Protein backbone atom coordinates (compact mmCIF):
# COMPACT_ATOMS: atom_id res chain seq x y z
CA UNK A 1 0.00 0.00 0.00
CA UNK A 2 1.34 3.33 -1.08
CA UNK A 3 1.05 6.46 1.02
CA UNK A 4 2.30 8.95 -1.54
CA UNK A 5 0.42 12.25 -1.85
CA UNK A 6 -0.92 11.24 -5.29
CA UNK A 7 -2.70 8.19 -3.82
CA UNK A 8 -4.29 10.01 -0.91
CA UNK A 9 -5.56 12.89 -3.01
CA UNK A 10 -9.36 13.31 -3.07
CA UNK A 11 -10.63 12.54 -6.57
CA UNK A 12 -14.30 13.18 -5.90
CA UNK A 13 -15.65 15.25 -8.80
CA UNK A 14 -17.05 18.61 -7.90
CA UNK A 15 -20.17 19.85 -9.60
CA UNK A 16 -19.92 23.44 -10.74
CA UNK A 17 -23.11 23.30 -12.78
CA UNK A 18 -26.51 24.21 -11.52
CA UNK A 19 -29.24 21.64 -11.05
CA UNK A 20 -31.19 23.29 -13.84
CA UNK A 21 -28.42 22.61 -16.37
CA UNK A 22 -27.94 19.03 -15.18
CA UNK A 23 -31.64 18.20 -15.52
CA UNK A 24 -32.14 19.53 -19.02
CA UNK A 25 -32.11 17.11 -21.93
CA UNK A 26 -29.86 17.66 -24.93
CA UNK A 27 -31.46 19.24 -27.93
CA UNK A 28 -31.61 17.65 -31.37
CA UNK A 29 -28.41 19.35 -32.48
CA UNK A 30 -26.51 18.31 -29.34
CA UNK A 31 -27.88 14.79 -28.85
CA UNK A 32 -27.73 13.18 -32.30
CA UNK A 33 -24.16 13.36 -33.51
CA UNK A 34 -22.70 14.21 -30.12
CA UNK A 35 -23.95 11.08 -28.42
CA UNK A 36 -22.94 8.96 -31.39
CA UNK A 37 -19.46 10.45 -31.19
CA UNK A 38 -19.15 9.92 -27.45
CA UNK A 39 -20.46 6.34 -27.60
CA UNK A 40 -18.17 5.43 -30.50
CA UNK A 41 -21.04 4.15 -32.63
CA UNK A 42 -21.47 5.69 -36.07
CA UNK A 43 -24.67 7.56 -36.66
CA UNK A 44 -26.95 5.58 -38.96
CA UNK A 45 -27.29 7.06 -42.38
CA UNK A 46 -30.06 6.45 -44.85
CA UNK A 47 -29.23 3.97 -47.55
CA UNK A 48 -29.12 5.40 -51.02
CA UNK A 49 -30.47 3.94 -54.21
CA UNK A 50 -27.20 2.13 -54.92
CA UNK A 51 -26.43 1.22 -51.32
CA UNK A 52 -25.35 -2.18 -50.01
CA UNK A 53 -28.91 -3.06 -49.10
CA UNK A 54 -30.02 -2.64 -52.72
CA UNK A 55 -27.25 -4.85 -54.04
CA UNK A 56 -27.96 -7.49 -51.38
CA UNK A 57 -31.61 -7.72 -52.37
CA UNK A 58 -30.72 -7.70 -56.08
CA UNK A 59 -28.35 -10.62 -55.50
CA UNK A 60 -31.05 -12.52 -53.66
CA UNK A 61 -33.53 -11.95 -56.50
CA UNK A 62 -31.00 -13.14 -59.08
CA UNK A 63 -30.31 -16.21 -56.97
CA UNK A 64 -34.03 -16.91 -56.62
CA UNK A 65 -34.36 -16.61 -60.39
CA UNK A 66 -31.64 -19.19 -60.82
CA UNK A 67 -33.21 -21.64 -58.41
CA UNK A 68 -36.84 -21.21 -59.46
CA UNK A 69 -36.71 -20.73 -63.23
CA UNK A 70 -33.89 -23.02 -64.31
CA UNK A 71 -33.66 -26.76 -63.86
CA UNK A 72 -30.07 -26.72 -62.68
CA UNK A 73 -30.56 -29.12 -59.79
CA UNK A 74 -32.69 -31.47 -61.92
CA UNK A 75 -30.07 -31.47 -64.69
CA UNK A 76 -27.35 -32.22 -62.20
CA UNK A 77 -29.36 -35.03 -60.60
CA UNK A 78 -30.76 -36.65 -63.75
CA UNK A 79 -27.84 -36.31 -66.13
CA UNK A 80 -24.66 -35.91 -64.15
CA UNK A 81 -25.21 -38.19 -61.17
CA UNK A 82 -26.71 -41.04 -63.21
CA UNK A 83 -23.56 -41.26 -65.28
CA UNK A 84 -25.00 -40.15 -68.60
CA UNK A 85 -22.08 -39.12 -70.77
CA UNK A 86 -22.34 -36.81 -73.75
CA UNK A 87 -26.00 -35.88 -73.33
CA UNK A 88 -25.49 -32.13 -73.63
CA UNK A 89 -28.40 -31.23 -75.91
CA UNK A 90 -29.22 -27.67 -76.93
CA UNK A 91 -31.97 -27.42 -74.30
CA UNK A 92 -29.73 -28.67 -71.50
CA UNK A 93 -26.90 -26.40 -72.65
CA UNK A 94 -29.27 -23.41 -72.62
CA UNK A 95 -30.47 -24.25 -69.11
CA UNK A 96 -26.88 -24.56 -67.86
CA UNK A 97 -25.83 -21.31 -69.54
CA UNK A 98 -28.77 -19.39 -68.07
CA UNK A 99 -28.24 -20.85 -64.61
CA UNK A 100 -24.54 -20.08 -64.70
CA UNK A 101 -25.12 -16.53 -65.91
CA UNK A 102 -27.72 -15.68 -63.27
CA UNK A 103 -25.65 -17.34 -60.52
CA UNK A 104 -22.59 -15.35 -61.52
CA UNK A 105 -24.60 -12.12 -61.60
CA UNK A 106 -25.96 -12.90 -58.13
CA UNK A 107 -22.43 -13.41 -56.82
CA UNK A 108 -21.21 -10.17 -58.40
CA UNK A 109 -24.15 -8.19 -57.02
CA UNK A 110 -23.68 -9.59 -53.52
CA UNK A 111 -19.92 -9.01 -53.68
CA UNK A 112 -20.55 -5.36 -54.62
CA UNK A 113 -22.83 -5.10 -51.58
CA UNK A 114 -20.07 -6.47 -49.35
CA UNK A 115 -17.49 -4.11 -50.84
CA UNK A 116 -19.76 -1.08 -50.41
CA UNK A 117 -20.69 -2.05 -46.83
CA UNK A 118 -19.67 0.42 -44.16
CA UNK A 119 -19.91 0.25 -40.37
CA UNK A 120 -23.32 1.92 -40.67
CA UNK A 121 -24.67 -0.73 -43.06
CA UNK A 122 -27.54 -2.69 -41.63
CA UNK A 123 -26.44 -6.14 -40.43
CA UNK A 124 -29.13 -7.98 -42.40
CA UNK A 125 -27.70 -6.59 -45.64
CA UNK A 126 -24.24 -7.92 -44.85
CA UNK A 127 -25.57 -11.34 -43.82
CA UNK A 128 -27.79 -11.57 -46.89
CA UNK A 129 -24.92 -10.60 -49.20
CA UNK A 130 -22.55 -13.13 -47.62
CA UNK A 131 -25.12 -15.93 -47.87
CA UNK A 132 -25.84 -15.00 -51.49
CA UNK A 133 -22.13 -15.13 -52.34
CA UNK A 134 -21.75 -18.57 -50.76
CA UNK A 135 -24.84 -20.13 -52.35
CA UNK A 136 -24.17 -18.40 -55.67
CA UNK A 137 -20.63 -19.76 -55.82
CA UNK A 138 -21.95 -23.25 -55.09
CA UNK A 139 -24.43 -22.90 -57.96
CA UNK A 140 -21.72 -21.66 -60.32
CA UNK A 141 -19.61 -24.65 -59.33
CA UNK A 142 -22.59 -26.95 -59.89
CA UNK A 143 -23.18 -25.43 -63.33
CA UNK A 144 -19.55 -25.75 -64.40
CA UNK A 145 -19.34 -29.32 -63.08
CA UNK A 146 -22.50 -30.29 -64.95
CA UNK A 147 -21.31 -28.67 -68.15
CA UNK A 148 -17.88 -30.32 -68.00
CA UNK A 149 -19.22 -33.77 -67.14
CA UNK A 150 -21.92 -33.67 -69.83
CA UNK A 151 -19.62 -32.45 -72.62
CA UNK A 152 -18.64 -35.17 -75.09
């Protein structure tokens, strides 16, 4: 235990403000940015038209288009997994090309959302973009695998 003058000094804060000033609430101009600055949390900003949220939703819609309008999974199951070799007809090739294109566009859109994300970006937009990138890359891989295995 130290008995130096610095340790025994009274550090109780003294209040030089009046009770009236302590009881008043901060105004709009003082409370918004000031509290955000003091707390270390960025002030939320409205998302623009080309914000990360927009690109996240666009990636999800492109991914949904791939899954719902193309028969990528059916082609992979029926043709690739059954061992059919050289059955790449024009219809199957068109389905694979469309699925690959929309999957790649979904990945690009979600990647743009992740690149444009800032600390003020809503968490759901980041999670949606990351999930879209992962699932989109799996679908691109599935498309390329199907195309390579079905080529004569």
